[in-house]
Amino acid sequence: MQRTPLFLGVFLGLLTPLHAAEQAGASGPAGTLANAKLVHRLEITKPGLYENFRVDAQGQGGNIVKITADDVTLRNCEIFNGTGNGVGVFGTRVVIENCRIHHLLNGTYEKQTDAHGITGRWGDVTIRNCDISYVSGDCIQFDPDRRQRGSLTIEKCHLWAGPLAEDAPGFKAGQSPGENAFDSKTPPDGERCKLVIRQCYLHGWNQPSQILTRAALNLKEHIDAVISHCVFDDNEVAIRARGPGGRGDARVVVEDCAIYRTKVGVRAEDKIEGLKILRMAYGPDVKSREERHGGKELPGYENTGEHDAPPMESLMVKPRS
């Protein structure tokens, strides 16, 4: 029996499409079901399941959905048309799944003010199968107050930016609002916050904005982060990993991800320590696979298994209708 040479077998293995359980993107529809209840604000103060709300904020600010209870599941909701945050999480053991969150715009395109899709405090939070877009802050940001520690898992989500189809107050059609798909903020010391982002599709963070560097993932401050089986496309920077200094000291591991149509794949800053990039796939239209800013030496750095990316559709889940 003829055997495949070892080096060729490894090469072919890298080009094999991911198993369905590892593919990126939302695995089902996000948003409301039939007969959704229309409300303009939702405050959740007791544990339980909250499902099938259409939350039209009518231009109001604050936390459009505010969760202050523990042990809450928010499912199959649409949250939109506000000048504040879509969801503010202030409880623990919270799950947000199958939600569509969009058009949270504050300020003007030239002077945007934060309006995030989901924000709040670290604390055993899971965000799953959500579609978040058209925000003037970040799709997801934890914790702007830098007061809490805990964990956050983001999985099978579609986090994106793009040109507005129509004018909105302070914004014009064709402008692409927002800063990052995800941004981390933490207390400066003590136990690290745990971040897991897996099987997500992050794209469109590429047009000029009010911030100097627009990235899909802005990983900074006191976190342990594992990013796996994600697909990045059409971004200025896919992964911005930031080390010691005024923005903290992130620890970042990136596994089995793929980057397409991007100016910079991984931007390593401030001599970040312990950065590990494992089996990263790059498309031919990534201008720079890696850049280092604030120092070339990265203690504990590892980059193994780098390879050319297969067609993007082979890595994407086909959503169920």
C-alpha atoms as a PDB file:
ATOM      1  CA  MET A   1       0.000   0.000   0.000  1.00  0.00           C
ATOM      2  CA  GLN A   2       1.392   3.403  -0.970  1.00  0.00           C
ATOM      3  CA  ARG A   3       1.767   5.796   1.946  1.00  0.00           C
ATOM      4  CA  THR A   4       1.448   9.570   1.876  1.00  0.00           C
ATOM      5  CA  PRO A   5       4.704  11.232   2.939  1.00  0.00           C
ATOM      6  CA  LEU A   6       4.462  12.697   6.423  1.00  0.00           C
ATOM      7  CA  PHE A   7       5.048  16.319   5.372  1.00  0.00           C
ATOM      8  CA  LEU A   8       2.403  16.032   2.643  1.00  0.00           C
ATOM      9  CA  GLY A   9      -0.077  14.454   5.029  1.00  0.00           C
ATOM     10  CA  VAL A  10       0.344  17.342   7.455  1.00  0.00           C
ATOM     11  CA  PHE A  11      -0.068  19.868   4.624  1.00  0.00           C
ATOM     12  CA  LEU A  12      -3.240  18.208   3.358  1.00  0.00           C
ATOM     13  CA  GLY A  13      -4.597  18.034   6.881  1.00  0.00           C
ATOM     14  CA  LEU A  14      -4.234  21.794   7.264  1.00  0.00           C
ATOM     15  CA  LEU A  15      -6.334  22.334   4.157  1.00  0.00           C
ATOM     16  CA  THR A  16      -9.109  19.957   5.202  1.00  0.00           C
ATOM     17  CA  PRO A  17     -12.372  21.848   5.936  1.00  0.00           C
ATOM     18  CA  LEU A  18     -13.275  21.960   9.598  1.00  0.00           C
ATOM     19  CA  HIS A  19     -15.655  19.426  11.034  1.00  0.00           C
ATOM     20  CA  ALA A  20     -19.145  20.921  11.315  1.00  0.00           C
ATOM     21  CA  ALA A  21     -18.784  21.093  15.091  1.00  0.00           C
ATOM     22  CA  GLU A  22     -15.838  23.474  14.654  1.00  0.00           C
ATOM     23  CA  GLN A  23     -17.081  25.727  11.845  1.00  0.00           C
ATOM     24  CA  ALA A  24     -17.560  29.458  12.410  1.00  0.00           C
ATOM     25  CA  GLY A  25     -20.669  31.593  12.315  1.00  0.00           C
ATOM     26  CA  ALA A  26     -24.165  31.553  13.740  1.00  0.00           C
ATOM     27  CA  SER A  27     -25.624  28.045  13.656  1.00  0.00           C
ATOM     28  CA  GLY A  28     -29.239  29.183  13.405  1.00  0.00           C
ATOM     29  CA  PRO A  29     -31.483  32.236  13.005  1.00  0.00           C
ATOM     30  CA  ALA A  30     -31.047  35.111  15.439  1.00  0.00           C
ATOM     31  CA  GLY A  31     -33.984  37.300  16.412  1.00  0.00           C
ATOM     32  CA  THR A  32     -37.602  36.926  17.359  1.00  0.00           C
ATOM     33  CA  LEU A  33     -40.039  34.125  16.706  1.00  0.00           C
ATOM     34  CA  ALA A  34     -43.678  34.462  15.698  1.00  0.00           C
ATOM     35  CA  ASN A  35     -45.911  36.620  17.901  1.00  0.00           C
ATOM     36  CA  ALA A  36     -43.073  38.483  19.592  1.00  0.00           C
ATOM     37  CA  LYS A  37     -44.012  40.909  22.339  1.00  0.00           C
ATOM     38  CA  LEU A  38     -43.184  44.538  21.507  1.00  0.00           C
ATOM     39  CA  VAL A  39     -41.665  46.582  24.344  1.00  0.00           C
ATOM     40  CA  HIS A  40     -39.493  49.684  24.480  1.00  0.00           C
ATOM     41  CA  ARG A  41     -37.330  48.719  27.453  1.00  0.00           C
ATOM     42  CA  LEU A  42     -36.832  45.540  29.447  1.00  0.00           C
ATOM     43  CA  GLU A  43     -35.583  45.354  33.037  1.00  0.00           C
ATOM     44  CA  ILE A  44     -34.848  41.863  34.338  1.00  0.00           C
ATOM     45  CA  THR A  45     -34.713  41.724  38.124  1.00  0.00           C
ATOM     46  CA  LYS A  46     -35.585  38.062  38.755  1.00  0.00           C
ATOM     47  CA  PRO A  47     -34.033  34.749  37.620  1.00  0.00           C
ATOM     48  CA  GLY A  48     -35.654  32.926  34.728  1.00  0.00           C
ATOM     49  CA  LEU A  49     -36.112  32.661  30.961  1.00  0.00           C
ATOM     50  CA  TYR A  50     -36.997  35.833  29.025  1.00  0.00           C
ATOM     51  CA  GLU A  51     -37.844  35.028  25.443  1.00  0.00           C
ATOM     52  CA  ASN A  52     -39.241  36.494  22.221  1.00  0.00           C
ATOM     53  CA  PHE A  53     -39.217  40.224  22.951  1.00  0.00           C
ATOM     54  CA  ARG A  54     -38.938  42.842  20.212  1.00  0.00           C
ATOM     55  CA  VAL A  55     -37.320  45.752  22.030  1.00  0.00           C
ATOM     56  CA  ASP A  56     -37.618  48.976  20.022  1.00  0.00           C
ATOM     57  CA  ALA A  57     -35.849  51.616  22.107  1.00  0.00           C
ATOM     58  CA  GLN A  58     -37.340  54.485  20.069  1.00  0.00           C
ATOM     59  CA  GLY A  59     -34.080  56.429  20.242  1.00  0.00           C
ATOM     60  CA  GLN A  60     -33.691  56.231  24.006  1.00  0.00           C
ATOM     61  CA  GLY A  61     -30.369  55.724  25.815  1.00  0.00           C
ATOM     62  CA  GLY A  62     -29.176  53.785  28.845  1.00  0.00           C
ATOM     63  CA  ASN A  63     -29.239  50.000  28.937  1.00  0.00           C
ATOM     64  CA  ILE A  64     -32.174  49.057  26.722  1.00  0.00           C
ATOM     65  CA  VAL A  65     -32.287  45.588  28.288  1.00  0.00           C
ATOM     66  CA  LYS A  66     -30.883  45.665  31.828  1.00  0.00           C
ATOM     67  CA  ILE A  67     -30.171  42.397  33.635  1.00  0.00           C
ATOM     68  CA  THR A  68     -29.548  42.752  37.377  1.00  0.00           C
ATOM     69  CA  ALA A  69     -30.583  39.233  38.444  1.00  0.00           C
ATOM     70  CA  ASP A  70     -28.488  36.066  38.507  1.00  0.00           C
ATOM     71  CA  ASP A  71     -29.424  32.896  36.601  1.00  0.00           C
ATOM     72  CA  VAL A  72     -31.062  34.585  33.617  1.00  0.00           C
ATOM     73  CA  THR A  73     -31.467  33.423  30.012  1.00  0.00           C
ATOM     74  CA  LEU A  74     -32.366  36.013  27.353  1.00  0.00           C
ATOM     75  CA  ARG A  75     -33.375  34.238  24.150  1.00  0.00           C
ATOM     76  CA  ASN A  76     -34.758  34.996  20.685  1.00  0.00           C
ATOM     77  CA  CYS A  77     -34.996  38.762  21.081  1.00  0.00           C
ATOM     78  CA  GLU A  78     -34.434  41.711  18.745  1.00  0.00           C
ATOM     79  CA  ILE A  79     -33.011  44.841  20.370  1.00  0.00           C
ATOM     80  CA  PHE A  80     -32.592  47.960  18.257  1.00  0.00           C
ATOM     81  CA  ASN A  81     -33.126  51.651  17.563  1.00  0.00           C
ATOM     82  CA  GLY A  82     -31.404  53.091  20.633  1.00  0.00           C
ATOM     83  CA  THR A  83     -28.691  55.538  21.614  1.00  0.00           C
ATOM     84  CA  GLY A  84     -27.491  53.383  24.527  1.00  0.00           C
ATOM     85  CA  ASN A  85     -26.389  49.811  25.070  1.00  0.00           C
ATOM     86  CA  GLY A  86     -28.488  46.961  23.746  1.00  0.00           C
ATOM     87  CA  VAL A  87     -27.970  44.739  26.807  1.00  0.00           C
ATOM     88  CA  GLY A  88     -26.321  45.617  30.108  1.00  0.00           C
ATOM     89  CA  VAL A  89     -25.371  42.564  32.207  1.00  0.00           C
ATOM     90  CA  PHE A  90     -25.027  43.113  35.955  1.00  0.00           C
ATOM     91  CA  GLY A  91     -25.776  39.593  37.183  1.00  0.00           C
ATOM     92  CA  THR A  92     -23.935  36.280  37.110  1.00  0.00           C
ATOM     93  CA  ARG A  93     -24.716  33.039  35.307  1.00  0.00           C
ATOM     94  CA  VAL A  94     -26.335  34.903  32.426  1.00  0.00           C
ATOM     95  CA  VAL A  95     -26.921  33.423  28.959  1.00  0.00           C
ATOM     96  CA  ILE A  96     -27.803  35.551  25.933  1.00  0.00           C
ATOM     97  CA  GLU A  97     -28.627  33.459  22.879  1.00  0.00           C
ATOM     98  CA  ASN A  98     -30.267  33.725  19.465  1.00  0.00           C
ATOM     99  CA  CYS A  99     -30.592  37.497  19.742  1.00  0.00           C
ATOM    100  CA  ARG A 100     -30.284  40.121  17.002  1.00  0.00           C
ATOM    101  CA  ILE A 101     -28.945  43.453  18.230  1.00  0.00           C
ATOM    102  CA  HIS A 102     -28.498  46.397  15.858  1.00  0.00           C
ATOM    103  CA  HIS A 103     -28.729  50.142  15.220  1.00  0.00           C
ATOM    104  CA  LEU A 104     -27.469  51.435  18.559  1.00  0.00           C
ATOM    105  CA  LEU A 105     -26.001  54.762  17.490  1.00  0.00           C
ATOM    106  CA  ASN A 106     -25.011  57.708  19.668  1.00  0.00           C
ATOM    107  CA  GLY A 107     -23.387  61.019  18.735  1.00  0.00           C
ATOM    108  CA  THR A 108     -22.335  61.542  15.140  1.00  0.00           C
ATOM    109  CA  TYR A 109     -20.136  59.621  12.762  1.00  0.00           C
ATOM    110  CA  GLU A 110     -17.354  62.178  13.290  1.00  0.00           C
ATOM    111  CA  LYS A 111     -17.789  62.182  17.097  1.00  0.00           C
ATOM    112  CA  GLN A 112     -19.217  58.806  18.056  1.00  0.00           C
ATOM    113  CA  THR A 113     -20.222  58.092  21.637  1.00  0.00           C
ATOM    114  CA  ASP A 114     -20.209  54.543  22.972  1.00  0.00           C
ATOM    115  CA  ALA A 115     -23.359  52.537  22.417  1.00  0.00           C
ATOM    116  CA  HIS A 116     -22.465  48.854  22.722  1.00  0.00           C
ATOM    117  CA  GLY A 117     -24.411  45.802  21.629  1.00  0.00           C
ATOM    118  CA  ILE A 118     -23.777  43.916  24.889  1.00  0.00           C
ATOM    119  CA  THR A 119     -21.815  45.211  27.841  1.00  0.00           C
ATOM    120  CA  GLY A 120     -21.650  44.843  31.605  1.00  0.00           C
ATOM    121  CA  ARG A 121     -19.681  42.960  34.224  1.00  0.00           C
ATOM    122  CA  TRP A 122     -17.594  39.819  33.975  1.00  0.00           C
ATOM    123  CA  GLY A 123     -19.304  36.943  35.784  1.00  0.00           C
ATOM    124  CA  ASP A 124     -19.994  33.589  34.123  1.00  0.00           C
ATOM    125  CA  VAL A 125     -21.667  35.144  31.077  1.00  0.00           C
ATOM    126  CA  THR A 126     -22.300  33.259  27.829  1.00  0.00           C
ATOM    127  CA  ILE A 127     -23.241  34.936  24.537  1.00  0.00           C
ATOM    128  CA  ARG A 128     -24.255  32.392  21.917  1.00  0.00           C
ATOM    129  CA  ASN A 129     -25.575  32.486  18.346  1.00  0.00           C
ATOM    130  CA  CYS A 130     -26.150  36.257  18.336  1.00  0.00           C
ATOM    131  CA  ASP A 131     -25.973  38.709  15.423  1.00  0.00           C
ATOM    132  CA  ILE A 132     -24.711  42.160  16.457  1.00  0.00           C
ATOM    133  CA  SER A 133     -24.079  45.102  14.108  1.00  0.00           C
ATOM    134  CA  TYR A 134     -24.397  48.858  13.530  1.00  0.00           C
ATOM    135  CA  VAL A 135     -23.210  50.110  16.909  1.00  0.00           C
ATOM    136  CA  SER A 136     -21.268  53.294  17.651  1.00  0.00           C
ATOM    137  CA  GLY A 137     -19.186  51.513  20.292  1.00  0.00           C
ATOM    138  CA  ASP A 138     -18.285  47.822  20.306  1.00  0.00           C
ATOM    139  CA  CYS A 139     -20.483  44.841  19.518  1.00  0.00           C
ATOM    140  CA  ILE A 140     -19.426  43.451  22.913  1.00  0.00           C
ATOM    141  CA  GLN A 141     -17.452  45.221  25.654  1.00  0.00           C
ATOM    142  CA  PHE A 142     -16.701  43.945  29.192  1.00  0.00           C
ATOM    143  CA  ASP A 143     -16.276  45.672  31.775  1.00  0.00           C
ATOM    144  CA  PRO A 144     -16.339  49.442  31.155  1.00  0.00           C
ATOM    145  CA  ASP A 145     -16.323  50.108  34.925  1.00  0.00           C
ATOM    146  CA  ARG A 146     -13.256  47.889  35.482  1.00  0.00           C
ATOM    147  CA  ARG A 147     -14.753  46.653  38.766  1.00  0.00           C
ATOM    148  CA  GLN A 148     -15.579  42.975  38.368  1.00  0.00           C
ATOM    149  CA  ARG A 149     -13.773  39.696  37.686  1.00  0.00           C
ATOM    150  CA  GLY A 150     -15.154  36.551  36.166  1.00  0.00           C
ATOM    151  CA  SER A 151     -15.562  34.789  32.847  1.00  0.00           C
ATOM    152  CA  LEU A 152     -17.124  35.477  29.465  1.00  0.00           C
ATOM    153  CA  THR A 153     -17.726  33.011  26.627  1.00  0.00           C
ATOM    154  CA  ILE A 154     -18.714  34.201  23.144  1.00  0.00           C
ATOM    155  CA  GLU A 155     -19.530  31.420  20.708  1.00  0.00           C
ATOM    156  CA  LYS A 156     -21.036  31.017  17.245  1.00  0.00           C
ATOM    157  CA  CYS A 157     -21.757  34.730  16.932  1.00  0.00           C
ATOM    158  CA  HIS A 158     -21.778  37.074  13.937  1.00  0.00           C
ATOM    159  CA  LEU A 159     -20.139  40.359  14.989  1.00  0.00           C
ATOM    160  CA  TRP A 160     -19.853  42.846  12.171  1.00  0.00           C
ATOM    161  CA  ALA A 161     -19.700  46.395  10.893  1.00  0.00           C
ATOM    162  CA  GLY A 162     -20.619  47.803   7.530  1.00  0.00           C
ATOM    163  CA  PRO A 163     -22.019  50.796   5.649  1.00  0.00           C
ATOM    164  CA  LEU A 164     -25.421  51.947   6.844  1.00  0.00           C
ATOM    165  CA  ALA A 165     -28.147  51.350   4.280  1.00  0.00           C
ATOM    166  CA  GLU A 166     -30.085  54.457   5.363  1.00  0.00           C
ATOM    167  CA  ASP A 167     -29.466  57.698   7.217  1.00  0.00           C
ATOM    168  CA  ALA A 168     -29.770  57.629  11.005  1.00  0.00           C
ATOM    169  CA  PRO A 169     -29.640  60.558  13.454  1.00  0.00           C
ATOM    170  CA  GLY A 170     -26.036  61.805  13.316  1.00  0.00           C
ATOM    171  CA  PHE A 171     -25.052  59.255  10.659  1.00  0.00           C
ATOM    172  CA  LYS A 172     -25.368  59.026   6.884  1.00  0.00           C
ATOM    173  CA  ALA A 173     -26.018  56.088   4.602  1.00  0.00           C
ATOM    174  CA  GLY A 174     -22.703  54.560   3.545  1.00  0.00           C
ATOM    175  CA  GLN A 175     -20.898  55.378   6.793  1.00  0.00           C
ATOM    176  CA  SER A 176     -19.654  52.441   8.872  1.00  0.00           C
ATOM    177  CA  PRO A 177     -19.986  53.165  12.609  1.00  0.00           C
ATOM    178  CA  GLY A 178     -18.314  51.371  15.492  1.00  0.00           C
ATOM    179  CA  GLU A 179     -14.925  50.662  17.034  1.00  0.00           C
ATOM    180  CA  ASN A 180     -14.361  46.912  17.570  1.00  0.00           C
ATOM    181  CA  ALA A 181     -16.278  43.669  17.522  1.00  0.00           C
ATOM    182  CA  PHE A 182     -14.953  42.984  21.034  1.00  0.00           C
ATOM    183  CA  ASP A 183     -13.069  45.115  23.559  1.00  0.00           C
ATOM    184  CA  SER A 184     -11.874  44.023  27.013  1.00  0.00           C
ATOM    185  CA  LYS A 185     -11.532  46.175  30.115  1.00  0.00           C
ATOM    186  CA  THR A 186     -10.692  44.768  33.550  1.00  0.00           C
ATOM    187  CA  PRO A 187      -9.476  45.651  37.034  1.00  0.00           C
ATOM    188  CA  PRO A 188      -5.722  46.302  36.810  1.00  0.00           C
ATOM    189  CA  ASP A 189      -4.556  43.397  38.983  1.00  0.00           C
ATOM    190  CA  GLY A 190      -5.669  40.365  40.954  1.00  0.00           C
ATOM    191  CA  GLU A 191      -7.209  37.294  39.346  1.00  0.00           C
ATOM    192  CA  ARG A 192      -7.395  37.505  35.562  1.00  0.00           C
ATOM    193  CA  CYS A 193     -10.722  37.609  33.777  1.00  0.00           C
ATOM    194  CA  LYS A 194     -11.273  34.539  31.586  1.00  0.00           C
ATOM    195  CA  LEU A 195     -12.283  35.105  27.979  1.00  0.00           C
ATOM    196  CA  VAL A 196     -13.212  32.439  25.429  1.00  0.00           C
ATOM    197  CA  ILE A 197     -14.210  33.399  21.884  1.00  0.00           C
ATOM    198  CA  ARG A 198     -14.871  30.478  19.574  1.00  0.00           C
ATOM    199  CA  GLN A 199     -16.484  29.755  16.219  1.00  0.00           C
ATOM    200  CA  CYS A 200     -17.367  33.392  15.558  1.00  0.00           C
ATOM    201  CA  TYR A 201     -17.461  35.295  12.260  1.00  0.00           C
ATOM    202  CA  LEU A 202     -16.049  38.817  12.590  1.00  0.00           C
ATOM    203  CA  HIS A 203     -15.887  41.161   9.609  1.00  0.00           C
ATOM    204  CA  GLY A 204     -16.174  44.694   8.296  1.00  0.00           C
ATOM    205  CA  TRP A 205     -13.981  46.505  10.846  1.00  0.00           C
ATOM    206  CA  ASN A 206     -12.046  48.234   8.104  1.00  0.00           C
ATOM    207  CA  GLN A 207     -13.302  51.699   7.187  1.00  0.00           C
ATOM    208  CA  PRO A 208     -11.832  54.866   8.718  1.00  0.00           C
ATOM    209  CA  SER A 209     -13.301  55.658  12.127  1.00  0.00           C
ATOM    210  CA  GLN A 210     -12.698  57.913  15.104  1.00  0.00           C
ATOM    211  CA  ILE A 211     -10.177  55.493  16.621  1.00  0.00           C
ATOM    212  CA  LEU A 212      -6.638  55.171  15.281  1.00  0.00           C
ATOM    213  CA  THR A 213      -6.640  51.386  14.997  1.00  0.00           C
ATOM    214  CA  ARG A 214      -9.850  49.561  14.210  1.00  0.00           C
ATOM    215  CA  ALA A 215      -9.711  45.878  15.105  1.00  0.00           C
ATOM    216  CA  ALA A 216     -12.147  42.998  15.194  1.00  0.00           C
ATOM    217  CA  LEU A 217     -10.720  41.909  18.562  1.00  0.00           C
ATOM    218  CA  ASN A 218      -9.124  44.457  20.882  1.00  0.00           C
ATOM    219  CA  LEU A 219      -7.631  42.201  23.570  1.00  0.00           C
ATOM    220  CA  LYS A 220      -6.126  44.164  26.413  1.00  0.00           C
ATOM    221  CA  GLU A 221      -5.745  44.537  30.155  1.00  0.00           C
ATOM    222  CA  HIS A 222      -5.853  41.737  32.745  1.00  0.00           C
ATOM    223  CA  ILE A 223      -7.310  38.805  30.758  1.00  0.00           C
ATOM    224  CA  ASP A 224      -6.558  35.205  29.894  1.00  0.00           C
ATOM    225  CA  ALA A 225      -8.012  34.835  26.400  1.00  0.00           C
ATOM    226  CA  VAL A 226      -8.406  31.805  24.147  1.00  0.00           C
ATOM    227  CA  ILE A 227      -9.595  32.534  20.603  1.00  0.00           C
ATOM    228  CA  SER A 228     -10.384  29.442  18.534  1.00  0.00           C
ATOM    229  CA  HIS A 229     -11.981  28.409  15.227  1.00  0.00           C
ATOM    230  CA  CYS A 230     -12.936  31.990  14.329  1.00  0.00           C
ATOM    231  CA  VAL A 231     -13.054  33.492  10.837  1.00  0.00           C
ATOM    232  CA  PHE A 232     -11.957  37.107  10.282  1.00  0.00           C
ATOM    233  CA  ASP A 233     -12.637  38.936   7.017  1.00  0.00           C
ATOM    234  CA  ASP A 234     -12.376  42.490   5.687  1.00  0.00           C
ATOM    235  CA  ASN A 235     -10.823  44.106   8.773  1.00  0.00           C
ATOM    236  CA  GLU A 236      -8.134  46.724   9.362  1.00  0.00           C
ATOM    237  CA  VAL A 237      -6.702  44.484  12.120  1.00  0.00           C
ATOM    238  CA  ALA A 238      -8.083  41.042  12.914  1.00  0.00           C
ATOM    239  CA  ILE A 239      -6.511  40.496  16.346  1.00  0.00           C
ATOM    240  CA  ARG A 240      -4.952  43.280  18.395  1.00  0.00           C
ATOM    241  CA  ALA A 241      -3.131  41.722  21.378  1.00  0.00           C
ATOM    242  CA  ARG A 242      -1.810  44.256  23.892  1.00  0.00           C
ATOM    243  CA  GLY A 243       0.848  43.705  26.525  1.00  0.00           C
ATOM    244  CA  PRO A 244       2.135  45.491  29.645  1.00  0.00           C
ATOM    245  CA  GLY A 245       1.589  49.207  29.989  1.00  0.00           C
ATOM    246  CA  GLY A 246      -1.309  51.567  30.348  1.00  0.00           C
ATOM    247  CA  ARG A 247      -3.663  49.052  28.748  1.00  0.00           C
ATOM    248  CA  GLY A 248      -2.790  46.137  31.008  1.00  0.00           C
ATOM    249  CA  ASP A 249      -1.116  42.832  30.302  1.00  0.00           C
ATOM    250  CA  ALA A 250      -3.228  40.426  28.248  1.00  0.00           C
ATOM    251  CA  ARG A 251      -2.388  36.743  27.875  1.00  0.00           C
ATOM    252  CA  VAL A 252      -3.650  35.520  24.505  1.00  0.00           C
ATOM    253  CA  VAL A 253      -3.788  32.131  22.779  1.00  0.00           C
ATOM    254  CA  VAL A 254      -5.126  31.945  19.205  1.00  0.00           C
ATOM    255  CA  GLU A 255      -5.917  28.485  17.818  1.00  0.00           C
ATOM    256  CA  ASP A 256      -7.155  27.254  14.432  1.00  0.00           C
ATOM    257  CA  CYS A 257      -8.425  30.607  13.153  1.00  0.00           C
ATOM    258  CA  ALA A 258      -8.440  32.002   9.607  1.00  0.00           C
ATOM    259  CA  ILE A 259      -7.943  35.571   8.359  1.00  0.00           C
ATOM    260  CA  TYR A 260      -8.963  36.999   4.975  1.00  0.00           C
ATOM    261  CA  ARG A 261      -8.878  40.441   3.262  1.00  0.00           C
ATOM    262  CA  THR A 262      -7.164  42.236   6.130  1.00  0.00           C
ATOM    263  CA  LYS A 263      -4.476  44.892   6.470  1.00  0.00           C
ATOM    264  CA  VAL A 264      -2.855  43.280   9.550  1.00  0.00           C
ATOM    265  CA  GLY A 265      -3.630  39.795  10.802  1.00  0.00           C
ATOM    266  CA  VAL A 266      -2.144  39.919  14.315  1.00  0.00           C
ATOM    267  CA  ARG A 267      -0.903  43.168  15.819  1.00  0.00           C
ATOM    268  CA  ALA A 268       1.248  42.451  18.908  1.00  0.00           C
ATOM    269  CA  GLU A 269       1.844  45.486  21.122  1.00  0.00           C
ATOM    270  CA  ASP A 270       3.967  46.540  24.096  1.00  0.00           C
ATOM    271  CA  LYS A 271       6.059  43.349  24.272  1.00  0.00           C
ATOM    272  CA  ILE A 272       3.052  41.219  25.089  1.00  0.00           C
ATOM    273  CA  GLU A 273       4.058  38.131  27.058  1.00  0.00           C
ATOM    274  CA  GLY A 274       2.976  34.569  26.319  1.00  0.00           C
ATOM    275  CA  LEU A 275       1.310  35.240  22.959  1.00  0.00           C
ATOM    276  CA  LYS A 276       0.686  31.916  21.221  1.00  0.00           C
ATOM    277  CA  ILE A 277      -0.550  31.634  17.637  1.00  0.00           C
ATOM    278  CA  LEU A 278      -1.288  28.040  16.727  1.00  0.00           C
ATOM    279  CA  ARG A 279      -2.249  26.770  13.268  1.00  0.00           C
ATOM    280  CA  MET A 280      -3.293  30.161  11.907  1.00  0.00           C
ATOM    281  CA  ALA A 281      -4.544  30.231   8.304  1.00  0.00           C
ATOM    282  CA  TYR A 282      -4.047  33.332   6.127  1.00  0.00           C
ATOM    283  CA  GLY A 283      -5.724  34.248   2.857  1.00  0.00           C
ATOM    284  CA  PRO A 284      -3.646  35.629  -0.046  1.00  0.00           C
ATOM    285  CA  ASP A 285      -5.137  39.099   0.434  1.00  0.00           C
ATOM    286  CA  VAL A 286      -3.812  39.634   3.975  1.00  0.00           C
ATOM    287  CA  LYS A 287      -1.299  42.443   3.489  1.00  0.00           C
ATOM    288  CA  SER A 288       0.693  41.776   6.668  1.00  0.00           C
ATOM    289  CA  ARG A 289       0.330  38.591   8.675  1.00  0.00           C
ATOM    290  CA  GLU A 290       1.887  39.996  11.839  1.00  0.00           C
ATOM    291  CA  GLU A 291       3.179  43.340  13.089  1.00  0.00           C
ATOM    292  CA  ARG A 292       4.850  44.314  16.343  1.00  0.00           C
ATOM    293  CA  HIS A 293       4.529  47.726  17.965  1.00  0.00           C
ATOM    294  CA  GLY A 294       6.253  48.963  21.095  1.00  0.00           C
ATOM    295  CA  GLY A 295       9.003  46.367  21.011  1.00  0.00           C
ATOM    296  CA  LYS A 296      10.119  43.494  18.814  1.00  0.00           C
ATOM    297  CA  GLU A 297      10.915  40.976  21.552  1.00  0.00           C
ATOM    298  CA  LEU A 298       7.883  39.039  22.828  1.00  0.00           C
ATOM    299  CA  PRO A 299       8.689  36.886  25.894  1.00  0.00           C
ATOM    300  CA  GLY A 300       7.134  33.424  25.632  1.00  0.00           C
ATOM    301  CA  TYR A 301       6.013  33.979  22.030  1.00  0.00           C
ATOM    302  CA  GLU A 302       5.065  30.936  19.959  1.00  0.00           C
ATOM    303  CA  ASN A 303       3.851  30.691  16.368  1.00  0.00           C
ATOM    304  CA  THR A 304       3.484  27.184  14.924  1.00  0.00           C
ATOM    305  CA  GLY A 305       1.532  25.572  12.101  1.00  0.00           C
ATOM    306  CA  GLU A 306       0.978  28.766  10.094  1.00  0.00           C
ATOM    307  CA  HIS A 307      -0.488  27.944   6.682  1.00  0.00           C
ATOM    308  CA  ASP A 308      -2.441  29.263   3.708  1.00  0.00           C
ATOM    309  CA  ALA A 309      -6.179  29.464   4.215  1.00  0.00           C
ATOM    310  CA  PRO A 310      -8.657  27.308   2.306  1.00  0.00           C
ATOM    311  CA  PRO A 311     -11.734  28.891   0.662  1.00  0.00           C
ATOM    312  CA  MET A 312     -13.569  30.766   3.401  1.00  0.00           C
ATOM    313  CA  GLU A 313     -16.889  29.029   2.774  1.00  0.00           C
ATOM    314  CA  SER A 314     -15.328  25.708   3.767  1.00  0.00           C
ATOM    315  CA  LEU A 315     -14.816  27.077   7.287  1.00  0.00           C
ATOM    316  CA  MET A 316     -18.277  28.597   7.682  1.00  0.00           C
ATOM    317  CA  VAL A 317     -21.312  26.851   9.076  1.00  0.00           C
ATOM    318  CA  LYS A 318     -24.360  26.787   6.837  1.00  0.00           C
ATOM    319  CA  PRO A 319     -27.138  28.322   8.976  1.00  0.00           C
ATOM    320  CA  ARG A 320     -30.307  26.363   9.419  1.00  0.00           C
ATOM    321  CA  SER A 321     -33.424  28.074   8.104  1.00  0.00           C
END
